[in-house]
PDB file of N, CA and C in Angstrom:
ATOM      1  N   MET A   1    -119.933  30.859 -18.866  1.00  0.00           N
ATOM      2  CA  MET A   1    -119.774  32.231 -18.450  1.00  0.00           C
ATOM      3  C   MET A   1    -119.663  32.334 -16.925  1.00  0.00           C
ATOM      4  N   LYS A   2    -120.516  31.566 -16.206  1.00  0.00           N
ATOM      5  CA  LYS A   2    -120.476  31.600 -14.750  1.00  0.00           C
ATOM      6  C   LYS A   2    -119.129  31.117 -14.237  1.00  0.00           C
ATOM      7  N   LYS A   3    -118.572  30.094 -14.903  1.00  0.00           N
ATOM      8  CA  LYS A   3    -117.277  29.575 -14.473  1.00  0.00           C
ATOM      9  C   LYS A   3    -116.190  30.618 -14.689  1.00  0.00           C
ATOM     10  N   LEU A   4    -116.292  31.384 -15.769  1.00  0.00           N
ATOM     11  CA  LEU A   4    -115.303  32.432 -16.011  1.00  0.00           C
ATOM     12  C   LEU A   4    -115.386  33.514 -14.942  1.00  0.00           C
ATOM     13  N   ILE A   5    -116.592  33.870 -14.566  1.00  0.00           N
ATOM     14  CA  ILE A   5    -116.784  34.882 -13.523  1.00  0.00           C
ATOM     15  C   ILE A   5    -116.225  34.377 -12.201  1.00  0.00           C
ATOM     16  N   THR A   6    -116.512  33.114 -11.875  1.00  0.00           N
ATOM     17  CA  THR A   6    -116.013  32.531 -10.635  1.00  0.00           C
ATOM     18  C   THR A   6    -114.495  32.467 -10.643  1.00  0.00           C
ATOM     19  N   LEU A   7    -113.925  32.059 -11.762  1.00  0.00           N
ATOM     20  CA  LEU A   7    -112.469  32.003 -11.863  1.00  0.00           C
ATOM     21  C   LEU A   7    -111.880  33.397 -11.720  1.00  0.00           C
ATOM     22  N   TYR A   8    -112.521  34.382 -12.339  1.00  0.00           N
ATOM     23  CA  TYR A   8    -112.056  35.764 -12.216  1.00  0.00           C
ATOM     24  C   TYR A   8    -112.093  36.211 -10.754  1.00  0.00           C
ATOM     25  N   LEU A   9    -113.180  35.882 -10.050  1.00  0.00           N
ATOM     26  CA  LEU A   9    -113.287  36.243  -8.636  1.00  0.00           C
ATOM     27  C   LEU A   9    -112.196  35.571  -7.815  1.00  0.00           C
ATOM     28  N   ALA A  10    -111.956  34.299  -8.077  1.00  0.00           N
ATOM     29  CA  ALA A  10    -110.918  33.581  -7.332  1.00  0.00           C
ATOM     30  C   ALA A  10    -109.547  34.184  -7.597  1.00  0.00           C
ATOM     31  N   LEU A  11    -109.277  34.528  -8.835  1.00  0.00           N
ATOM     32  CA  LEU A  11    -107.993  35.135  -9.174  1.00  0.00           C
ATOM     33  C   LEU A  11    -107.876  36.527  -8.563  1.00  0.00           C
ATOM     34  N   SER A  12    -108.962  37.272  -8.550  1.00  0.00           N
ATOM     35  CA  SER A  12    -108.944  38.596  -7.939  1.00  0.00           C
ATOM     36  C   SER A  12    -108.665  38.502  -6.454  1.00  0.00           C
ATOM     37  N   LEU A  13    -109.285  37.539  -5.791  1.00  0.00           N
ATOM     38  CA  LEU A  13    -109.045  37.345  -4.371  1.00  0.00           C
ATOM     39  C   LEU A  13    -107.585  37.005  -4.116  1.00  0.00           C
ATOM     40  N   THR A  14    -107.026  36.228  -5.006  1.00  0.00           N
ATOM     41  CA  THR A  14    -105.616  35.867  -4.882  1.00  0.00           C
ATOM     42  C   THR A  14    -104.732  37.104  -4.965  1.00  0.00           C
ATOM     43  N   LEU A  15    -105.013  37.967  -5.911  1.00  0.00           N
ATOM     44  CA  LEU A  15    -104.219  39.178  -6.061  1.00  0.00           C
ATOM     45  C   LEU A  15    -104.384  40.097  -4.860  1.00  0.00           C
ATOM     46  N   LEU A  16    -105.585  40.170  -4.339  1.00  0.00           N
ATOM     47  CA  LEU A  16    -105.842  41.019  -3.178  1.00  0.00           C
ATOM     48  C   LEU A  16    -105.168  40.487  -1.921  1.00  0.00           C
ATOM     49  N   ALA A  17    -104.968  39.196  -1.876  1.00  0.00           N
ATOM     50  CA  ALA A  17    -104.370  38.588  -0.688  1.00  0.00           C
ATOM     51  C   ALA A  17    -102.845  38.650  -0.708  1.00  0.00           C
ATOM     52  N   GLY A  18    -102.270  39.384  -1.619  1.00  0.00           N
ATOM     53  CA  GLY A  18    -100.817  39.510  -1.689  1.00  0.00           C
ATOM     54  C   GLY A  18    -100.191  38.294  -2.304  1.00  0.00           C
ATOM     55  N   SER A  19     -99.384  37.590  -1.537  1.00  0.00           N
ATOM     56  CA  SER A  19     -98.697  36.427  -2.071  1.00  0.00           C
ATOM     57  C   SER A  19     -99.509  35.150  -1.901  1.00  0.00           C
ATOM     58  N   ALA A  20    -100.697  35.229  -1.374  1.00  0.00           N
ATOM     59  CA  ALA A  20    -101.526  34.049  -1.180  1.00  0.00           C
ATOM     60  C   ALA A  20    -102.012  33.510  -2.517  1.00  0.00           C
ATOM     61  N   LEU A  21    -102.218  32.200  -2.549  1.00  0.00           N
ATOM     62  CA  LEU A  21    -102.674  31.551  -3.769  1.00  0.00           C
ATOM     63  C   LEU A  21    -103.915  30.726  -3.483  1.00  0.00           C
ATOM     64  N   ALA A  22    -104.940  30.866  -4.325  1.00  0.00           N
ATOM     65  CA  ALA A  22    -106.136  30.046  -4.173  1.00  0.00           C
ATOM     66  C   ALA A  22    -105.866  28.701  -4.819  1.00  0.00           C
ATOM     67  N   ASP A  23    -105.884  27.646  -4.012  1.00  0.00           N
ATOM     68  CA  ASP A  23    -105.590  26.316  -4.515  1.00  0.00           C
ATOM     69  C   ASP A  23    -106.856  25.556  -4.841  1.00  0.00           C
ATOM     70  N   GLN A  24    -107.902  25.777  -4.084  1.00  0.00           N
ATOM     71  CA  GLN A  24    -109.173  25.119  -4.328  1.00  0.00           C
ATOM     72  C   GLN A  24    -110.277  26.160  -4.290  1.00  0.00           C
ATOM     73  N   SER A  25    -111.151  26.094  -5.284  1.00  0.00           N
ATOM     74  CA  SER A  25    -112.302  26.998  -5.322  1.00  0.00           C
ATOM     75  C   SER A  25    -113.524  26.210  -5.756  1.00  0.00           C
ATOM     76  N   TYR A  26    -114.649  26.596  -5.214  1.00  0.00           N
ATOM     77  CA  TYR A  26    -115.929  25.981  -5.551  1.00  0.00           C
ATOM     78  C   TYR A  26    -116.906  27.073  -5.951  1.00  0.00           C
ATOM     79  N   SER A  27    -117.665  26.791  -6.979  1.00  0.00           N
ATOM     80  CA  SER A  27    -118.714  27.695  -7.428  1.00  0.00           C
ATOM     81  C   SER A  27    -120.049  27.045  -7.104  1.00  0.00           C
ATOM     82  N   CYS A  28    -120.904  27.788  -6.416  1.00  0.00           N
ATOM     83  CA  CYS A  28    -122.224  27.277  -6.046  1.00  0.00           C
ATOM     84  C   CYS A  28    -123.290  28.181  -6.663  1.00  0.00           C
ATOM     85  N   THR A  29    -124.262  27.571  -7.305  1.00  0.00           N
ATOM     86  CA  THR A  29    -125.335  28.329  -7.931  1.00  0.00           C
ATOM     87  C   THR A  29    -126.692  27.819  -7.443  1.00  0.00           C
ATOM     88  N   HIS A  30    -127.622  28.751  -7.398  1.00  0.00           N
ATOM     89  CA  HIS A  30    -129.016  28.446  -7.043  1.00  0.00           C
ATOM     90  C   HIS A  30    -129.863  29.437  -7.819  1.00  0.00           C
ATOM     91  N   GLY A  31    -130.482  28.964  -8.891  1.00  0.00           N
ATOM     92  CA  GLY A  31    -131.183  29.886  -9.780  1.00  0.00           C
ATOM     93  C   GLY A  31    -130.167  30.823 -10.411  1.00  0.00           C
ATOM     94  N   LYS A  32    -130.400  32.126 -10.285  1.00  0.00           N
ATOM     95  CA  LYS A  32    -129.466  33.115 -10.842  1.00  0.00           C
ATOM     96  C   LYS A  32    -128.435  33.587  -9.822  1.00  0.00           C
ATOM     97  N   GLN A  33    -128.505  33.060  -8.619  1.00  0.00           N
ATOM     98  CA  GLN A  33    -127.561  33.459  -7.578  1.00  0.00           C
ATOM     99  C   GLN A  33    -126.294  32.623  -7.662  1.00  0.00           C
ATOM    100  N   GLU A  34    -125.177  33.229  -7.291  1.00  0.00           N
ATOM    101  CA  GLU A  34    -123.904  32.516  -7.301  1.00  0.00           C
ATOM    102  C   GLU A  34    -123.090  32.866  -6.061  1.00  0.00           C
ATOM    103  N   ARG A  35    -122.417  31.864  -5.527  1.00  0.00           N
ATOM    104  CA  ARG A  35    -121.531  32.012  -4.384  1.00  0.00           C
ATOM    105  C   ARG A  35    -120.198  31.354  -4.722  1.00  0.00           C
ATOM    106  N   SER A  36    -119.145  31.800  -4.066  1.00  0.00           N
ATOM    107  CA  SER A  36    -117.825  31.227  -4.276  1.00  0.00           C
ATOM    108  C   SER A  36    -117.202  30.879  -2.924  1.00  0.00           C
ATOM    109  N   ILE A  37    -116.627  29.687  -2.837  1.00  0.00           N
ATOM    110  CA  ILE A  37    -115.931  29.237  -1.643  1.00  0.00           C
ATOM    111  C   ILE A  37    -114.515  28.900  -2.081  1.00  0.00           C
ATOM    112  N   SER A  38    -113.527  29.541  -1.473  1.00  0.00           N
ATOM    113  CA  SER A  38    -112.132  29.346  -1.880  1.00  0.00           C
ATOM    114  C   SER A  38    -111.252  29.084  -0.676  1.00  0.00           C
ATOM    115  N   ILE A  39    -110.259  28.210  -0.889  1.00  0.00           N
ATOM    116  CA  ILE A  39    -109.213  28.005   0.107  1.00  0.00           C
ATOM    117  C   ILE A  39    -107.999  28.760  -0.403  1.00  0.00           C
ATOM    118  N   VAL A  40    -107.506  29.677   0.412  1.00  0.00           N
ATOM    119  CA  VAL A  40    -106.374  30.520   0.024  1.00  0.00           C
ATOM    120  C   VAL A  40    -105.187  30.167   0.926  1.00  0.00           C
ATOM    121  N   TYR A  41    -104.074  29.838   0.289  1.00  0.00           N
ATOM    122  CA  TYR A  41    -102.865  29.440   1.010  1.00  0.00           C
ATOM    123  C   TYR A  41    -101.803  30.523   0.939  1.00  0.00           C
ATOM    124  N   GLN A  42    -101.076  30.707   2.025  1.00  0.00           N
ATOM    125  CA  GLN A  42     -99.894  31.576   2.015  1.00  0.00           C
ATOM    126  C   GLN A  42     -98.691  30.797   1.502  1.00  0.00           C
ATOM    127  N   ASP A  43     -98.679  29.487   1.723  1.00  0.00           N
ATOM    128  CA  ASP A  43     -97.575  28.623   1.304  1.00  0.00           C
ATOM    129  C   ASP A  43     -98.165  27.379   0.650  1.00  0.00           C
ATOM    130  N   GLN A  44     -98.027  27.281  -0.669  1.00  0.00           N
ATOM    131  CA  GLN A  44     -98.617  26.175  -1.419  1.00  0.00           C
ATOM    132  C   GLN A  44     -98.059  24.821  -0.996  1.00  0.00           C
ATOM    133  N   VAL A  45     -96.808  24.767  -0.595  1.00  0.00           N
ATOM    134  CA  VAL A  45     -96.191  23.495  -0.234  1.00  0.00           C
ATOM    135  C   VAL A  45     -96.673  23.015   1.137  1.00  0.00           C
ATOM    136  N   LYS A  46     -96.630  23.887   2.120  1.00  0.00           N
ATOM    137  CA  LYS A  46     -97.005  23.515   3.485  1.00  0.00           C
ATOM    138  C   LYS A  46     -98.517  23.492   3.694  1.00  0.00           C
ATOM    139  N   LYS A  47     -99.260  24.224   2.869  1.00  0.00           N
ATOM    140  CA  LYS A  47    -100.723  24.337   2.964  1.00  0.00           C
ATOM    141  C   LYS A  47    -101.196  25.102   4.193  1.00  0.00           C
ATOM    142  N   VAL A  48    -100.298  25.729   4.914  1.00  0.00           N
ATOM    143  CA  VAL A  48    -100.642  26.614   6.028  1.00  0.00           C
ATOM    144  C   VAL A  48     -99.657  27.770   6.040  1.00  0.00           C
ATOM    145  N   PRO A  49    -100.041  28.923   6.491  1.00  0.00           N
ATOM    146  CA  PRO A  49    -101.387  29.285   6.909  1.00  0.00           C
ATOM    147  C   PRO A  49    -102.359  29.294   5.725  1.00  0.00           C
ATOM    148  N   CYS A  50    -103.638  29.174   6.080  1.00  0.00           N
ATOM    149  CA  CYS A  50    -104.678  29.142   5.051  1.00  0.00           C
ATOM    150  C   CYS A  50    -105.925  29.848   5.562  1.00  0.00           C
ATOM    151  N   GLU A  51    -106.803  30.177   4.607  1.00  0.00           N
ATOM    152  CA  GLU A  51    -108.102  30.785   4.918  1.00  0.00           C
ATOM    153  C   GLU A  51    -109.164  30.174   4.016  1.00  0.00           C
ATOM    154  N   VAL A  52    -110.369  30.060   4.535  1.00  0.00           N
ATOM    155  CA  VAL A  52    -111.534  29.708   3.721  1.00  0.00           C
ATOM    156  C   VAL A  52    -112.301  31.005   3.517  1.00  0.00           C
ATOM    157  N   GLN A  53    -112.388  31.413   2.258  1.00  0.00           N
ATOM    158  CA  GLN A  53    -113.068  32.670   1.934  1.00  0.00           C
ATOM    159  C   GLN A  53    -114.374  32.375   1.204  1.00  0.00           C
ATOM    160  N   TYR A  54    -115.387  33.149   1.537  1.00  0.00           N
ATOM    161  CA  TYR A  54    -116.732  32.985   0.982  1.00  0.00           C
ATOM    162  C   TYR A  54    -117.142  34.301   0.341  1.00  0.00           C
ATOM    163  N   THR A  55    -117.535  34.234  -0.925  1.00  0.00           N
ATOM    164  CA  THR A  55    -117.972  35.429  -1.648  1.00  0.00           C
ATOM    165  C   THR A  55    -119.459  35.305  -1.953  1.00  0.00           C
ATOM    166  N   LYS A  56    -120.206  36.303  -1.503  1.00  0.00           N
ATOM    167  CA  LYS A  56    -121.655  36.363  -1.679  1.00  0.00           C
ATOM    168  C   LYS A  56    -122.006  37.794  -2.059  1.00  0.00           C
ATOM    169  N   ASP A  57    -122.690  37.958  -3.169  1.00  0.00           N
ATOM    170  CA  ASP A  57    -123.110  39.280  -3.637  1.00  0.00           C
ATOM    171  C   ASP A  57    -121.932  40.249  -3.746  1.00  0.00           C
ATOM    172  N   GLY A  58    -120.777  39.731  -4.182  1.00  0.00           N
ATOM    173  CA  GLY A  58    -119.601  40.561  -4.393  1.00  0.00           C
ATOM    174  C   GLY A  58    -118.819  40.914  -3.136  1.00  0.00           C
ATOM    175  N   VAL A  59    -119.264  40.408  -1.990  1.00  0.00           N
ATOM    176  CA  VAL A  59    -118.582  40.682  -0.722  1.00  0.00           C
ATOM    177  C   VAL A  59    -117.889  39.403  -0.257  1.00  0.00           C
ATOM    178  N   THR A  60    -116.590  39.507   0.018  1.00  0.00           N
ATOM    179  CA  THR A  60    -115.811  38.353   0.454  1.00  0.00           C
ATOM    180  C   THR A  60    -115.510  38.460   1.937  1.00  0.00           C
ATOM    181  N   GLN A  61    -115.702  37.341   2.628  1.00  0.00           N
ATOM    182  CA  GLN A  61    -115.357  37.296   4.038  1.00  0.00           C
ATOM    183  C   GLN A  61    -114.599  36.003   4.328  1.00  0.00           C
ATOM    184  N   THR A  62    -113.736  36.055   5.312  1.00  0.00           N
ATOM    185  CA  THR A  62    -113.012  34.868   5.742  1.00  0.00           C
ATOM    186  C   THR A  62    -113.841  34.170   6.802  1.00  0.00           C
ATOM    187  N   LEU A  63    -114.192  32.909   6.528  1.00  0.00           N
ATOM    188  CA  LEU A  63    -115.009  32.144   7.466  1.00  0.00           C
ATOM    189  C   LEU A  63    -114.154  31.389   8.482  1.00  0.00           C
ATOM    190  N   TRP A  64    -113.034  30.811   8.027  1.00  0.00           N
ATOM    191  CA  TRP A  64    -112.138  30.049   8.895  1.00  0.00           C
ATOM    192  C   TRP A  64    -110.705  30.293   8.454  1.00  0.00           C
ATOM    193  N   SER A  65    -109.790  30.100   9.384  1.00  0.00           N
ATOM    194  CA  SER A  65    -108.372  30.187   9.047  1.00  0.00           C
ATOM    195  C   SER A  65    -107.584  29.257   9.963  1.00  0.00           C
ATOM    196  N   ALA A  66    -106.396  28.901   9.515  1.00  0.00           N
ATOM    197  CA  ALA A  66    -105.506  28.056  10.313  1.00  0.00           C
ATOM    198  C   ALA A  66    -104.074  28.516  10.101  1.00  0.00           C
ATOM    199  N   LYS A  67    -103.310  28.498  11.164  1.00  0.00           N
ATOM    200  CA  LYS A  67    -101.904  28.892  11.061  1.00  0.00           C
ATOM    201  C   LYS A  67    -100.977  27.690  10.998  1.00  0.00           C
ATOM    202  N   GLY A  68    -101.363  26.578  11.612  1.00  0.00           N
ATOM    203  CA  GLY A  68    -100.455  25.443  11.641  1.00  0.00           C
ATOM    204  C   GLY A  68    -101.105  24.083  11.469  1.00  0.00           C
ATOM    205  N   GLN A  69    -102.422  24.034  11.414  1.00  0.00           N
ATOM    206  CA  GLN A  69    -103.121  22.753  11.315  1.00  0.00           C
ATOM    207  C   GLN A  69    -103.410  22.405   9.858  1.00  0.00           C
ATOM    208  N   VAL A  70    -102.576  21.565   9.268  1.00  0.00           N
ATOM    209  CA  VAL A  70    -102.741  21.147   7.879  1.00  0.00           C
ATOM    210  C   VAL A  70    -104.045  20.364   7.740  1.00  0.00           C
ATOM    211  N   GLY A  71    -104.820  20.680   6.722  1.00  0.00           N
ATOM    212  CA  GLY A  71    -106.079  19.994   6.449  1.00  0.00           C
ATOM    213  C   GLY A  71    -107.303  20.676   7.033  1.00  0.00           C
ATOM    214  N   TYR A  72    -107.111  21.624   7.939  1.00  0.00           N
ATOM    215  CA  TYR A  72    -108.237  22.293   8.597  1.00  0.00           C
ATOM    216  C   TYR A  72    -109.093  23.061   7.590  1.00  0.00           C
ATOM    217  N   CYS A  73    -108.455  23.868   6.754  1.00  0.00           N
ATOM    218  CA  CYS A  73    -109.214  24.676   5.790  1.00  0.00           C
ATOM    219  C   CYS A  73    -109.938  23.798   4.770  1.00  0.00           C
ATOM    220  N   GLU A  74    -109.282  22.728   4.326  1.00  0.00           N
ATOM    221  CA  GLU A  74    -109.915  21.819   3.372  1.00  0.00           C
ATOM    222  C   GLU A  74    -111.153  21.171   3.978  1.00  0.00           C
ATOM    223  N   GLU A  75    -111.031  20.745   5.241  1.00  0.00           N
ATOM    224  CA  GLU A  75    -112.155  20.117   5.938  1.00  0.00           C
ATOM    225  C   GLU A  75    -113.326  21.087   6.078  1.00  0.00           C
ATOM    226  N   LYS A  76    -113.040  22.309   6.504  1.00  0.00           N
ATOM    227  CA  LYS A  76    -114.091  23.308   6.698  1.00  0.00           C
ATOM    228  C   LYS A  76    -114.745  23.700   5.376  1.00  0.00           C
ATOM    229  N   ALA A  77    -113.922  23.872   4.330  1.00  0.00           N
ATOM    230  CA  ALA A  77    -114.469  24.260   3.020  1.00  0.00           C
ATOM    231  C   ALA A  77    -115.386  23.169   2.471  1.00  0.00           C
ATOM    232  N   LEU A  78    -114.944  21.920   2.530  1.00  0.00           N
ATOM    233  CA  LEU A  78    -115.771  20.821   2.018  1.00  0.00           C
ATOM    234  C   LEU A  78    -117.064  20.676   2.814  1.00  0.00           C
ATOM    235  N   ALA A  79    -116.995  20.848   4.126  1.00  0.00           N
ATOM    236  CA  ALA A  79    -118.206  20.773   4.954  1.00  0.00           C
ATOM    237  C   ALA A  79    -119.175  21.899   4.581  1.00  0.00           C
ATOM    238  N   PHE A  80    -118.632  23.088   4.296  1.00  0.00           N
ATOM    239  CA  PHE A  80    -119.485  24.213   3.920  1.00  0.00           C
ATOM    240  C   PHE A  80    -120.091  24.008   2.529  1.00  0.00           C
ATOM    241  N   VAL A  81    -119.326  23.416   1.616  1.00  0.00           N
ATOM    242  CA  VAL A  81    -119.861  23.079   0.291  1.00  0.00           C
ATOM    243  C   VAL A  81    -121.031  22.097   0.452  1.00  0.00           C
ATOM    244  N   GLU A  82    -120.863  21.091   1.297  1.00  0.00           N
ATOM    245  CA  GLU A  82    -121.938  20.117   1.518  1.00  0.00           C
ATOM    246  C   GLU A  82    -123.154  20.774   2.167  1.00  0.00           C
ATOM    247  N   LYS A  83    -122.925  21.727   3.058  1.00  0.00           N
ATOM    248  CA  LYS A  83    -124.038  22.456   3.676  1.00  0.00           C
ATOM    249  C   LYS A  83    -124.799  23.242   2.605  1.00  0.00           C
ATOM    250  N   GLN A  84    -124.063  23.888   1.700  1.00  0.00           N
ATOM    251  CA  GLN A  84    -124.692  24.624   0.597  1.00  0.00           C
ATOM    252  C   GLN A  84    -125.549  23.675  -0.250  1.00  0.00           C
ATOM    253  N   ARG A  85    -125.009  22.507  -0.555  1.00  0.00           N
ATOM    254  CA  ARG A  85    -125.764  21.519  -1.345  1.00  0.00           C
ATOM    255  C   ARG A  85    -127.037  21.104  -0.617  1.00  0.00           C
ATOM    256  N   GLY A  86    -126.946  20.962   0.696  1.00  0.00           N
ATOM    257  CA  GLY A  86    -128.115  20.615   1.494  1.00  0.00           C
ATOM    258  C   GLY A  86    -129.192  21.686   1.449  1.00  0.00           C
ATOM    259  N   TRP A  87    -128.786  22.922   1.210  1.00  0.00           N
ATOM    260  CA  TRP A  87    -129.733  24.028   1.081  1.00  0.00           C
ATOM    261  C   TRP A  87    -130.249  24.180  -0.347  1.00  0.00           C
ATOM    262  N   GLY A  88    -129.869  23.258  -1.237  1.00  0.00           N
ATOM    263  CA  GLY A  88    -130.368  23.288  -2.610  1.00  0.00           C
ATOM    264  C   GLY A  88    -129.443  23.933  -3.630  1.00  0.00           C
ATOM    265  N   TRP A  89    -128.237  24.282  -3.231  1.00  0.00           N
ATOM    266  CA  TRP A  89    -127.273  24.887  -4.145  1.00  0.00           C
ATOM    267  C   TRP A  89    -126.546  23.795  -4.919  1.00  0.00           C
ATOM    268  N   ALA A  90    -126.217  24.076  -6.157  1.00  0.00           N
ATOM    269  CA  ALA A  90    -125.410  23.173  -6.993  1.00  0.00           C
ATOM    270  C   ALA A  90    -123.975  23.685  -6.935  1.00  0.00           C
ATOM    271  N   CYS A  91    -123.087  22.902  -6.346  1.00  0.00           N
ATOM    272  CA  CYS A  91    -121.685  23.331  -6.172  1.00  0.00           C
ATOM    273  C   CYS A  91    -120.760  22.391  -6.939  1.00  0.00           C
ATOM    274  N   GLU A  92    -119.767  23.010  -7.559  1.00  0.00           N
ATOM    275  CA  GLU A  92    -118.740  22.209  -8.235  1.00  0.00           C
ATOM    276  C   GLU A  92    -117.395  22.895  -8.097  1.00  0.00           C
ATOM    277  N   GLU A  93    -116.351  22.072  -8.099  1.00  0.00           N
ATOM    278  CA  GLU A  93    -115.008  22.608  -7.974  1.00  0.00           C
ATOM    279  C   GLU A  93    -114.625  23.325  -9.258  1.00  0.00           C
ATOM    280  N   VAL A  94    -113.966  24.452  -9.109  1.00  0.00           N
ATOM    281  CA  VAL A  94    -113.487  25.235 -10.244  1.00  0.00           C
ATOM    282  C   VAL A  94    -112.019  24.892 -10.430  1.00  0.00           C
ATOM    283  N   LYS A  95    -111.683  24.373 -11.596  1.00  0.00           N
ATOM    284  CA  LYS A  95    -110.296  24.023 -11.884  1.00  0.00           C
ATOM    285  C   LYS A  95    -109.554  25.282 -12.317  1.00  0.00           C
ATOM    286  N   ALA A  96    -108.410  25.510 -11.707  1.00  0.00           N
ATOM    287  CA  ALA A  96    -107.590  26.683 -12.035  1.00  0.00           C
ATOM    288  C   ALA A  96    -106.979  26.511 -13.407  1.00  0.00           C
ATOM    289  N   ALA A  97    -106.900  27.606 -14.148  1.00  0.00           N
ATOM    290  CA  ALA A  97    -106.262  27.592 -15.462  1.00  0.00           C
ATOM    291  C   ALA A  97    -104.774  27.350 -15.285  1.00  0.00           C
ATOM    292  N   GLN A  98    -104.217  26.487 -16.105  1.00  0.00           N
ATOM    293  CA  GLN A  98    -102.796  26.168 -15.984  1.00  0.00           C
ATOM    294  C   GLN A  98    -102.049  26.574 -17.205  1.00  0.00           C
TER     295      GLN A  98
END
């Protein structure tokens, strides 16, 4: 159920971002709390521009973005996932429905 909610949130963020597509998403849980970390791309092929979006308590904010540096958003998102794990959160990648 939590994975469905996370997938729904990631898909909703994608729709809200216009033509942007969420390529990587992570769901982090700690007890009954849940957070979502997503990398959103404007261009799936080039991987830039991109944003790292964080959803907490239903509020989404952009933590990092890049206009031309390929790999920047992936690096920042993975580092933030590891930081969450260090704080005791259980994080796993959410596979997009195909």
